[in-house]
N, C-alpha and C. Protein backbone atom coordinates (compact mmCIF):
# COMPACT_ATOMS: atom_id res chain seq x y z
N MET A 1 -20.31 -2.46 5.78
CA MET A 1 -19.20 -2.57 5.94
C MET A 1 -18.91 -2.48 4.42
N ILE A 2 -17.90 -1.66 4.10
CA ILE A 2 -17.25 -1.80 2.69
C ILE A 2 -16.44 -3.14 2.54
N THR A 3 -16.71 -3.68 1.37
CA THR A 3 -16.26 -4.73 0.67
C THR A 3 -14.99 -4.45 0.21
N ILE A 4 -13.40 -5.07 0.73
CA ILE A 4 -12.14 -4.72 0.17
C ILE A 4 -12.16 -5.82 -1.14
N PRO A 5 -11.66 -4.90 -2.36
CA PRO A 5 -11.70 -5.59 -3.40
C PRO A 5 -9.93 -6.41 -3.62
N THR A 6 -10.04 -7.49 -4.20
CA THR A 6 -8.79 -8.01 -4.31
C THR A 6 -8.59 -7.91 -5.88
N ILE A 7 -7.42 -7.64 -6.14
CA ILE A 7 -6.89 -7.44 -7.17
C ILE A 7 -5.58 -8.09 -7.56
N GLU A 8 -5.56 -8.95 -9.11
CA GLU A 8 -4.63 -9.94 -9.43
C GLU A 8 -3.64 -8.75 -10.52
N THR A 9 -2.27 -9.36 -9.94
CA THR A 9 -1.20 -8.44 -11.46
C THR A 9 -0.57 -9.99 -11.69
N ALA A 10 0.38 -9.77 -12.34
CA ALA A 10 0.87 -11.04 -12.85
C ALA A 10 1.54 -12.04 -11.81
N ARG A 11 2.02 -11.55 -11.04
CA ARG A 11 2.64 -12.06 -9.56
C ARG A 11 1.99 -12.15 -8.54
N LEU A 12 1.00 -10.96 -8.27
CA LEU A 12 0.91 -10.80 -7.12
C LEU A 12 -0.85 -10.38 -6.81
N ARG A 13 -1.31 -10.84 -5.48
CA ARG A 13 -2.32 -10.64 -4.78
C ARG A 13 -2.51 -9.34 -4.02
N LEU A 14 -3.51 -8.66 -4.24
CA LEU A 14 -3.64 -7.33 -3.64
C LEU A 14 -4.81 -8.13 -2.85
N THR A 15 -4.68 -8.27 -1.54
CA THR A 15 -6.18 -8.44 -0.73
C THR A 15 -6.38 -7.83 0.58
N ALA A 16 -7.44 -7.67 0.83
CA ALA A 16 -7.80 -7.47 2.46
C ALA A 16 -6.79 -7.92 3.48
N LEU A 17 -6.16 -6.66 4.05
CA LEU A 17 -5.10 -7.11 5.16
C LEU A 17 -6.37 -7.49 6.56
N SER A 18 -5.48 -8.78 6.90
CA SER A 18 -6.69 -9.67 8.26
C SER A 18 -5.47 -9.99 9.10
N GLU A 19 -6.13 -10.69 10.29
CA GLU A 19 -5.33 -11.25 11.24
C GLU A 19 -4.33 -12.06 10.90
N ARG A 20 -4.97 -12.88 9.74
CA ARG A 20 -4.22 -14.23 8.99
C ARG A 20 -2.70 -13.40 8.80
N HIS A 21 -2.69 -12.10 8.57
CA HIS A 21 -1.35 -11.68 8.14
C HIS A 21 -0.74 -11.11 9.25
N PHE A 22 -1.36 -11.08 10.45
CA PHE A 22 -0.46 -10.39 11.67
C PHE A 22 0.85 -10.78 12.09
N ASN A 23 1.18 -12.01 12.12
CA ASN A 23 2.13 -12.82 12.68
C ASN A 23 3.44 -12.09 11.24
N ASP A 24 3.61 -12.40 10.01
CA ASP A 24 4.10 -11.77 9.03
C ASP A 24 4.40 -10.19 8.92
N TYR A 25 3.11 -9.54 9.50
CA TYR A 25 2.80 -8.07 9.43
C TYR A 25 4.12 -7.54 10.48
N ALA A 26 3.65 -8.20 11.45
CA ALA A 26 4.51 -7.71 12.98
C ALA A 26 5.91 -7.92 12.68
N SER A 27 6.06 -8.89 12.00
CA SER A 27 7.81 -9.47 11.99
C SER A 27 8.49 -8.17 11.05
N MET A 28 7.64 -7.90 10.01
CA MET A 28 8.06 -6.76 9.02
C MET A 28 8.26 -5.50 9.86
N LEU A 29 7.39 -5.42 10.76
CA LEU A 29 7.37 -3.82 11.49
C LEU A 29 8.28 -4.04 12.38
N ALA A 30 8.54 -4.88 13.10
CA ALA A 30 10.18 -5.46 14.17
C ALA A 30 11.25 -4.94 13.25
N ASP A 31 11.43 -5.41 12.00
CA ASP A 31 12.40 -5.10 11.39
C ASP A 31 13.16 -3.56 11.28
N PRO A 32 14.28 -3.15 12.07
CA PRO A 32 14.43 -1.49 11.47
C PRO A 32 14.70 -1.24 10.06
N ASP A 33 15.21 -2.24 9.29
CA ASP A 33 15.46 -1.76 7.75
C ASP A 33 14.14 -1.54 7.07
N SER A 34 13.13 -2.13 7.59
CA SER A 34 11.58 -2.01 6.95
C SER A 34 11.08 -0.91 7.58
N THR A 35 11.20 -0.16 8.74
CA THR A 35 10.89 0.69 9.39
C THR A 35 11.38 2.14 9.30
N ARG A 36 12.58 2.27 8.92
CA ARG A 36 13.75 3.35 8.91
C ARG A 36 13.46 4.27 8.02
N TRP A 37 12.37 4.32 7.06
CA TRP A 37 11.68 5.25 6.10
C TRP A 37 10.55 5.63 6.49
N ILE A 38 9.67 4.91 7.58
CA ILE A 38 8.25 5.77 7.85
C ILE A 38 8.33 5.90 8.98
N GLY A 39 7.03 6.90 9.27
CA GLY A 39 6.60 7.35 10.47
C GLY A 39 8.02 7.80 11.46
N ASP A 40 8.36 7.43 12.80
CA ASP A 40 9.51 8.07 13.41
C ASP A 40 10.53 7.20 12.99
N GLY A 41 10.47 6.29 12.01
CA GLY A 41 11.60 5.23 11.54
C GLY A 41 12.35 4.24 12.61
N LEU A 42 11.22 3.95 13.93
CA LEU A 42 11.73 3.20 14.67
C LEU A 42 10.91 1.72 14.42
N PRO A 43 11.56 0.88 14.98
CA PRO A 43 10.31 -0.63 14.34
C PRO A 43 9.55 -0.22 15.44
N LEU A 44 8.44 -1.75 15.24
CA LEU A 44 7.50 -1.38 16.31
C LEU A 44 7.10 -2.86 16.93
N ASP A 45 6.99 -2.79 18.17
CA ASP A 45 6.61 -4.03 18.73
C ASP A 45 5.18 -4.58 18.37
N ARG A 46 4.70 -5.63 19.08
CA ARG A 46 3.80 -6.27 18.78
C ARG A 46 2.75 -5.59 18.77
N THR A 47 2.86 -5.02 19.96
CA THR A 47 1.13 -4.34 19.98
C THR A 47 1.05 -3.08 19.35
N ASN A 48 2.10 -2.28 18.96
CA ASN A 48 1.87 -1.40 17.97
C ASN A 48 1.79 -1.85 16.70
N ALA A 49 2.29 -2.77 16.33
CA ALA A 49 2.34 -3.75 14.96
C ALA A 49 0.59 -3.95 14.78
N TRP A 50 0.05 -4.29 15.92
CA TRP A 50 -1.50 -4.60 16.11
C TRP A 50 -2.01 -3.16 15.60
N ARG A 51 -1.98 -2.04 16.40
CA ARG A 51 -2.58 -0.96 16.17
C ARG A 51 -2.38 -0.50 14.66
N SER A 52 -1.20 -0.47 14.17
CA SER A 52 -1.16 -0.54 12.77
C SER A 52 -2.02 -1.08 11.69
N LEU A 53 -1.95 -2.24 12.22
CA LEU A 53 -2.56 -3.07 11.40
C LEU A 53 -4.42 -2.96 11.30
N ALA A 54 -4.59 -2.27 12.89
CA ALA A 54 -6.28 -2.19 12.85
C ALA A 54 -6.47 -0.68 12.23
N MET A 55 -5.53 0.00 12.14
CA MET A 55 -5.79 1.50 11.70
C MET A 55 -6.03 1.15 9.96
N LEU A 56 -5.08 0.11 9.58
CA LEU A 56 -4.92 0.31 7.88
C LEU A 56 -6.34 -0.62 7.86
N ILE A 57 -6.62 -1.32 8.40
CA ILE A 57 -8.09 -1.77 8.33
C ILE A 57 -9.26 -0.76 8.44
N GLY A 58 -9.28 -0.31 9.35
CA GLY A 58 -9.93 0.97 9.83
C GLY A 58 -10.01 2.00 8.68
N HIS A 59 -8.80 2.28 7.96
CA HIS A 59 -9.18 3.20 7.19
C HIS A 59 -10.10 2.68 5.88
N TRP A 60 -10.46 1.79 5.71
CA TRP A 60 -11.32 1.09 4.24
C TRP A 60 -12.36 1.73 4.76
N GLN A 61 -12.78 1.55 6.11
CA GLN A 61 -14.00 2.22 6.46
C GLN A 61 -14.09 3.17 6.52
N LEU A 62 -13.23 3.99 6.89
CA LEU A 62 -13.49 5.70 6.98
C LEU A 62 -13.44 6.40 5.65
N ARG A 63 -12.24 5.51 4.83
CA ARG A 63 -12.23 6.57 3.52
C ARG A 63 -12.78 5.87 1.98
N GLY A 64 -12.84 4.52 2.51
CA GLY A 64 -13.58 3.75 1.26
C GLY A 64 -12.41 3.27 0.54
N TYR A 65 -11.23 3.35 0.72
CA TYR A 65 -9.86 3.02 0.19
C TYR A 65 -8.97 2.58 1.24
N GLY A 66 -7.83 1.74 1.02
CA GLY A 66 -6.78 1.80 2.07
C GLY A 66 -5.74 0.70 1.48
N MET A 67 -4.86 0.24 2.45
CA MET A 67 -3.83 -0.63 2.05
C MET A 67 -4.42 -2.05 2.09
N TRP A 68 -3.42 -2.86 0.63
CA TRP A 68 -3.42 -3.96 0.87
C TRP A 68 -2.69 -4.94 1.17
N ALA A 69 -2.63 -5.90 1.69
CA ALA A 69 -1.78 -7.22 1.51
C ALA A 69 -1.29 -7.17 0.39
N LEU A 70 0.38 -7.77 0.47
CA LEU A 70 0.56 -8.13 -0.84
C LEU A 70 0.91 -9.86 -0.69
N GLU A 71 0.66 -10.59 -1.73
CA GLU A 71 0.66 -11.76 -0.88
C GLU A 71 1.44 -12.39 -2.57
N LEU A 72 2.32 -13.38 -3.00
CA LEU A 72 2.81 -14.05 -4.06
C LEU A 72 1.39 -15.10 -4.18
N LYS A 73 1.40 -14.59 -5.90
CA LYS A 73 -0.11 -15.59 -6.30
C LYS A 73 0.38 -16.92 -6.25
N SER A 74 1.87 -17.29 -6.29
CA SER A 74 2.45 -18.71 -6.28
C SER A 74 2.40 -19.15 -5.38
N THR A 75 2.34 -18.69 -4.25
CA THR A 75 2.65 -19.51 -2.99
C THR A 75 1.67 -18.92 -1.79
N GLY A 76 1.23 -17.72 -2.15
CA GLY A 76 0.40 -17.41 -1.08
C GLY A 76 0.93 -16.28 0.06
N GLU A 77 2.40 -16.34 -0.02
CA GLU A 77 3.16 -15.45 1.01
C GLU A 77 2.79 -14.09 1.32
N PHE A 78 2.56 -13.72 2.39
CA PHE A 78 2.66 -12.13 2.57
C PHE A 78 4.22 -11.69 2.27
N ILE A 79 4.23 -10.73 1.55
CA ILE A 79 5.50 -10.33 1.02
C ILE A 79 5.62 -8.50 1.95
N GLY A 80 4.35 -7.76 1.99
CA GLY A 80 4.91 -6.73 2.07
C GLY A 80 2.91 -5.96 2.07
N ARG A 81 3.02 -4.75 2.01
CA ARG A 81 1.68 -3.83 2.12
C ARG A 81 1.95 -2.97 0.86
N ALA A 82 0.59 -2.27 0.13
CA ALA A 82 0.46 -1.21 -0.87
C ALA A 82 -0.91 -0.93 -0.75
N GLY A 83 -0.91 0.57 -1.12
CA GLY A 83 -1.91 1.13 -1.06
C GLY A 83 -2.03 2.54 -0.73
N LEU A 84 -3.35 3.20 -0.86
CA LEU A 84 -3.65 4.44 -0.39
C LEU A 84 -4.13 4.74 0.84
N LEU A 85 -3.38 5.86 1.31
CA LEU A 85 -3.90 6.20 2.62
C LEU A 85 -4.25 7.93 2.49
N HIS A 86 -5.04 8.32 3.34
CA HIS A 86 -5.12 9.76 3.73
C HIS A 86 -5.55 10.11 5.24
N PRO A 87 -4.90 9.39 6.07
CA PRO A 87 -5.07 10.05 7.52
C PRO A 87 -5.22 11.55 7.88
N GLU A 88 -5.69 11.66 8.55
CA GLU A 88 -6.23 13.32 9.37
C GLU A 88 -4.55 13.86 9.37
N GLY A 89 -4.19 15.02 8.85
CA GLY A 89 -3.41 15.84 8.88
C GLY A 89 -2.57 15.33 7.38
N TRP A 90 -2.55 14.64 6.59
CA TRP A 90 -1.73 14.22 5.53
C TRP A 90 -2.15 15.23 4.51
N PRO A 91 -1.22 15.32 3.40
CA PRO A 91 -1.48 16.57 2.78
C PRO A 91 -2.32 16.37 1.71
N ASP A 92 -2.37 14.95 1.23
CA ASP A 92 -3.38 14.83 -0.08
C ASP A 92 -3.04 13.03 0.49
N VAL A 93 -3.83 12.37 -0.64
CA VAL A 93 -4.12 10.57 -0.59
C VAL A 93 -2.47 10.52 -1.17
N GLU A 94 -2.13 9.28 -0.43
CA GLU A 94 -0.69 9.20 -0.35
C GLU A 94 -0.68 7.55 -1.13
N MET A 95 0.09 7.33 -2.06
CA MET A 95 0.20 5.85 -2.07
C MET A 95 1.70 5.43 -1.49
N GLY A 96 1.49 4.43 -0.80
CA GLY A 96 2.72 3.86 -0.13
C GLY A 96 2.95 2.19 -0.28
N TRP A 97 3.88 2.09 -0.10
CA TRP A 97 4.57 0.58 -0.09
C TRP A 97 5.27 0.16 1.11
N MET A 98 5.56 -0.90 1.53
CA MET A 98 6.49 -1.46 2.02
C MET A 98 6.49 -3.18 1.85
N LEU A 99 7.53 -3.65 1.83
CA LEU A 99 8.18 -4.94 1.37
C LEU A 99 8.86 -5.36 2.18
N LYS A 100 8.67 -6.98 2.77
CA LYS A 100 9.80 -7.49 3.64
C LYS A 100 10.90 -7.36 3.06
N PRO A 101 12.20 -7.56 3.52
CA PRO A 101 13.81 -7.21 3.14
C PRO A 101 13.97 -8.06 1.79
N GLU A 102 13.52 -9.51 2.05
CA GLU A 102 13.98 -10.53 1.11
C GLU A 102 12.98 -10.63 -0.08
N HIS A 103 12.02 -9.59 -0.23
CA HIS A 103 11.29 -9.43 -1.36
C HIS A 103 11.26 -8.21 -2.04
N ARG A 104 12.52 -7.39 -1.54
CA ARG A 104 12.80 -6.02 -2.35
C ARG A 104 13.57 -6.17 -3.57
N HIS A 105 13.66 -5.21 -4.07
CA HIS A 105 14.11 -5.57 -5.42
C HIS A 105 14.06 -6.53 -6.50
N HIS A 106 12.75 -6.75 -6.59
CA HIS A 106 12.10 -7.99 -7.67
C HIS A 106 11.18 -7.28 -8.35
N GLY A 107 11.10 -6.02 -8.33
CA GLY A 107 10.03 -5.18 -8.99
C GLY A 107 8.30 -5.44 -8.26
N TYR A 108 8.37 -5.85 -7.08
CA TYR A 108 7.40 -6.14 -6.44
C TYR A 108 6.57 -4.61 -6.01
N ALA A 109 7.39 -3.77 -5.79
CA ALA A 109 6.68 -2.45 -4.99
C ALA A 109 6.02 -1.57 -6.33
N THR A 110 6.74 -1.76 -7.85
CA THR A 110 6.17 -1.22 -8.95
C THR A 110 5.14 -1.82 -9.59
N GLU A 111 4.89 -3.10 -9.46
CA GLU A 111 3.97 -3.88 -9.89
C GLU A 111 2.79 -3.74 -9.31
N ALA A 112 2.88 -3.64 -7.66
CA ALA A 112 1.64 -3.44 -7.01
C ALA A 112 1.08 -1.90 -7.09
N GLY A 113 2.35 -0.80 -7.37
CA GLY A 113 1.97 0.73 -7.49
C GLY A 113 1.31 1.04 -8.66
N THR A 114 1.72 -0.10 -9.60
CA THR A 114 0.70 0.18 -10.56
C THR A 114 -0.70 -0.54 -10.86
N ALA A 115 -1.16 -1.27 -9.81
CA ALA A 115 -2.45 -1.78 -9.87
C ALA A 115 -3.00 -0.91 -8.67
N VAL A 116 -1.97 -0.02 -7.83
CA VAL A 116 -2.93 0.55 -7.04
C VAL A 116 -3.24 1.90 -7.64
N LEU A 117 -2.55 2.38 -8.72
CA LEU A 117 -3.01 3.58 -9.12
C LEU A 117 -3.88 3.41 -10.43
N ASP A 118 -3.80 2.39 -10.85
CA ASP A 118 -5.17 1.90 -11.78
C ASP A 118 -6.73 2.10 -10.79
N TYR A 119 -6.39 1.31 -9.78
CA TYR A 119 -7.72 1.22 -8.89
C TYR A 119 -7.75 2.75 -8.91
N ALA A 120 -7.13 3.75 -8.29
CA ALA A 120 -7.22 5.30 -8.04
C ALA A 120 -8.29 6.03 -9.20
N TRP A 121 -7.66 5.36 -10.36
CA TRP A 121 -7.91 6.20 -11.36
C TRP A 121 -9.25 5.68 -11.71
N ASP A 122 -9.24 4.47 -12.00
CA ASP A 122 -10.28 3.79 -12.39
C ASP A 122 -11.77 3.56 -11.71
N HIS A 123 -11.52 3.38 -10.29
CA HIS A 123 -12.41 2.83 -9.39
C HIS A 123 -13.02 4.21 -8.67
N LEU A 124 -11.39 4.94 -8.10
CA LEU A 124 -12.15 6.04 -7.37
C LEU A 124 -12.35 7.56 -7.80
N HIS A 125 -11.85 7.63 -9.30
CA HIS A 125 -11.42 8.87 -9.64
C HIS A 125 -10.76 9.57 -9.27
N MET A 126 -9.77 9.52 -8.74
CA MET A 126 -8.76 10.36 -8.43
C MET A 126 -8.37 11.14 -9.02
N GLN A 127 -8.00 12.53 -8.75
CA GLN A 127 -7.36 13.51 -9.78
C GLN A 127 -6.31 13.39 -9.74
N ARG A 128 -5.44 13.24 -8.34
CA ARG A 128 -4.08 13.23 -8.19
C ARG A 128 -4.08 12.29 -6.67
N VAL A 129 -2.88 11.32 -6.75
CA VAL A 129 -2.17 11.04 -5.91
C VAL A 129 -0.48 11.13 -5.41
N ILE A 130 -0.51 11.33 -4.24
CA ILE A 130 1.15 11.70 -4.06
C ILE A 130 1.46 10.30 -3.39
N SER A 131 3.02 10.38 -3.55
CA SER A 131 4.08 9.42 -2.62
C SER A 131 4.83 10.09 -1.99
N LEU A 132 5.04 10.54 -0.46
CA LEU A 132 5.99 11.14 0.43
C LEU A 132 6.91 9.99 0.23
N VAL A 133 8.58 10.27 0.31
CA VAL A 133 9.46 9.51 0.15
C VAL A 133 10.55 10.13 0.84
N ARG A 134 11.05 9.45 2.18
CA ARG A 134 11.72 10.51 3.16
C ARG A 134 13.10 10.46 2.36
N VAL A 135 13.84 12.02 2.27
CA VAL A 135 15.37 12.19 1.69
C VAL A 135 15.84 10.79 2.10
N GLY A 136 16.78 10.39 1.29
CA GLY A 136 17.50 9.42 1.28
C GLY A 136 17.02 7.85 0.97
N ASN A 137 15.94 7.66 0.68
CA ASN A 137 15.62 6.72 0.67
C ASN A 137 15.44 6.60 -1.27
N ASP A 138 16.48 6.45 -1.85
CA ASP A 138 16.64 6.04 -3.07
C ASP A 138 15.93 5.05 -3.71
N ALA A 139 15.84 3.84 -2.89
CA ALA A 139 14.80 3.17 -3.78
C ALA A 139 13.46 3.35 -3.72
N SER A 140 12.84 3.81 -2.80
CA SER A 140 11.53 4.31 -2.87
C SER A 140 11.43 5.52 -4.13
N ASP A 141 12.46 6.32 -3.97
CA ASP A 141 12.94 7.26 -5.38
C ASP A 141 12.36 7.02 -6.54
N ARG A 142 13.15 6.01 -6.87
CA ARG A 142 13.14 4.99 -8.22
C ARG A 142 11.88 4.40 -8.57
N VAL A 143 11.46 3.85 -7.23
CA VAL A 143 10.05 3.17 -7.79
C VAL A 143 8.83 4.08 -8.21
N ALA A 144 9.07 5.09 -7.46
CA ALA A 144 7.81 6.67 -7.04
C ALA A 144 8.17 7.02 -9.10
N GLU A 145 9.37 6.98 -9.32
CA GLU A 145 10.10 7.57 -11.09
C GLU A 145 9.59 6.41 -11.62
N ARG A 146 9.46 5.04 -11.67
CA ARG A 146 9.41 4.28 -12.61
C ARG A 146 7.58 4.28 -12.49
N LEU A 147 6.72 4.47 -11.35
CA LEU A 147 5.53 4.68 -11.61
C LEU A 147 4.96 6.12 -12.26
N GLY A 148 5.75 6.78 -12.39
CA GLY A 148 5.29 8.35 -13.57
C GLY A 148 5.16 8.97 -12.76
N GLY A 149 5.77 9.12 -11.21
CA GLY A 149 5.85 10.02 -10.24
C GLY A 149 6.51 11.27 -10.57
N GLU A 150 6.15 12.66 -10.54
CA GLU A 150 6.65 13.54 -10.76
C GLU A 150 7.01 14.21 -9.41
N HIS A 151 8.51 14.27 -9.40
CA HIS A 151 9.00 15.20 -7.95
C HIS A 151 8.80 16.56 -8.01
N ILE A 152 7.73 17.13 -7.50
CA ILE A 152 6.87 18.32 -7.33
C ILE A 152 7.48 19.18 -6.63
N GLU A 153 7.74 19.17 -5.32
CA GLU A 153 8.25 19.50 -4.15
C GLU A 153 8.76 18.80 -3.08
N ASP A 154 9.70 19.10 -2.00
CA ASP A 154 9.77 18.30 -1.00
C ASP A 154 9.39 19.58 0.05
N ILE A 155 8.78 18.52 1.21
CA ILE A 155 8.18 19.31 2.31
C ILE A 155 8.77 18.73 3.82
N HIS A 156 8.63 19.08 4.86
CA HIS A 156 9.02 18.68 6.05
C HIS A 156 7.73 17.89 6.59
N PHE A 157 7.74 16.68 6.93
CA PHE A 157 6.33 16.05 7.07
C PHE A 157 7.19 15.13 8.13
N PHE A 158 6.25 14.39 9.12
CA PHE A 158 6.85 13.63 10.50
C PHE A 158 7.94 13.79 10.63
N GLY A 159 8.72 14.88 10.75
CA GLY A 159 9.79 15.53 11.55
C GLY A 159 11.14 14.76 10.75
N SER A 160 10.62 14.54 9.57
CA SER A 160 11.28 14.25 8.48
C SER A 160 11.44 15.16 7.06
N GLU A 161 12.35 15.27 6.28
CA GLU A 161 12.24 15.57 5.09
C GLU A 161 11.88 14.66 3.84
N ASN A 162 10.96 15.43 3.23
CA ASN A 162 10.52 14.09 2.06
C ASN A 162 10.19 14.79 1.11
N HIS A 163 10.52 13.81 -0.21
CA HIS A 163 10.31 13.98 -1.64
C HIS A 163 8.60 13.69 -1.79
N VAL A 164 7.91 14.78 -2.20
CA VAL A 164 6.70 14.65 -2.92
C VAL A 164 6.62 14.40 -4.33
N PHE A 165 6.03 13.20 -4.46
CA PHE A 165 6.16 12.61 -5.91
C PHE A 165 4.47 12.65 -6.06
N ALA A 166 4.29 13.29 -7.36
CA ALA A 166 3.03 13.35 -7.41
C ALA A 166 2.48 12.38 -9.02
N TYR A 167 1.05 11.84 -9.18
CA TYR A 167 0.53 11.00 -10.11
C TYR A 167 -0.19 11.67 -10.32
N TYR A 168 -0.88 11.46 -11.83
CA TYR A 168 -1.94 11.95 -12.19
C TYR A 168 -2.40 10.88 -13.08
N PRO A 169 -3.54 10.92 -13.30
CA PRO A 169 -4.48 9.82 -14.13
C PRO A 169 -4.07 9.94 -15.62
N PRO A 170 -3.80 9.05 -16.31
CA PRO A 170 -3.28 8.85 -17.78
C PRO A 170 -3.85 9.84 -18.64
N HIS A 171 -5.52 10.35 -18.59
CA HIS A 171 -6.18 11.30 -19.20
C HIS A 171 -5.92 12.55 -19.26
N ARG A 172 -5.07 12.85 -18.30
CA ARG A 172 -4.98 14.61 -17.74
C ARG A 172 -3.17 14.70 -17.62
N GLN A 173 -2.80 15.72 -18.31
CA GLN A 173 -1.89 16.20 -18.36
C GLN A 173 -1.19 16.60 -16.76
N SER A 174 0.03 16.50 -16.32
CA SER A 174 0.43 16.98 -15.11
C SER A 174 0.38 18.48 -14.86
N ARG A 175 0.22 19.20 -13.87
CA ARG A 175 0.35 20.43 -13.49
C ARG A 175 1.56 21.04 -14.35
N ARG A 176 2.86 20.35 -14.04
CA ARG A 176 4.07 20.88 -14.58
C ARG A 176 3.71 21.13 -16.34
N ALA A 177 3.72 19.86 -16.84
CA ALA A 177 3.28 19.86 -18.13
C ALA A 177 2.25 20.97 -19.14
N ILE A 178 1.34 21.60 -17.99
CA ILE A 178 0.21 22.31 -18.31
C ILE A 178 1.02 23.80 -18.27
N ALA A 179 1.84 24.14 -16.99
CA ALA A 179 2.27 25.50 -17.01
C ALA A 179 3.05 25.75 -17.94
């Protein structure tokens, strides 16, 4: 069994998702504003939220990396998820994030994304990570740009059009800069 590391930032604790997060996680996935930009865009009932949580936890065992629960360091409150995914059929390792509505627009996604990318470069030695951002999700476009993502292409994926943002380790220039 892999040990999922805990990462702390100025305001956040990125920690292993677990059953103790389930009620808050299920509530987040039941909210149409939270799910409109992922998967089929529909909210999830508790059964499918459980399946989602189990998949994210299992991803760590299968790939050696995955999503973390985001908790406020000051209170321990669950505010969302962020991390790395590469399920079967994905075009590349994807960094994603999702926050409960009341915790959006406070810089938490950017703070968590910075920690996730540092982990990808420093511990996993990845050479590239992407974010798939559904066209129209302007807030996530801005997060990807703040994290240094380059909008390299648009693709049709999972039934919708998506911007592909690519991130590269700090020691390597992007393909666009090299070309």
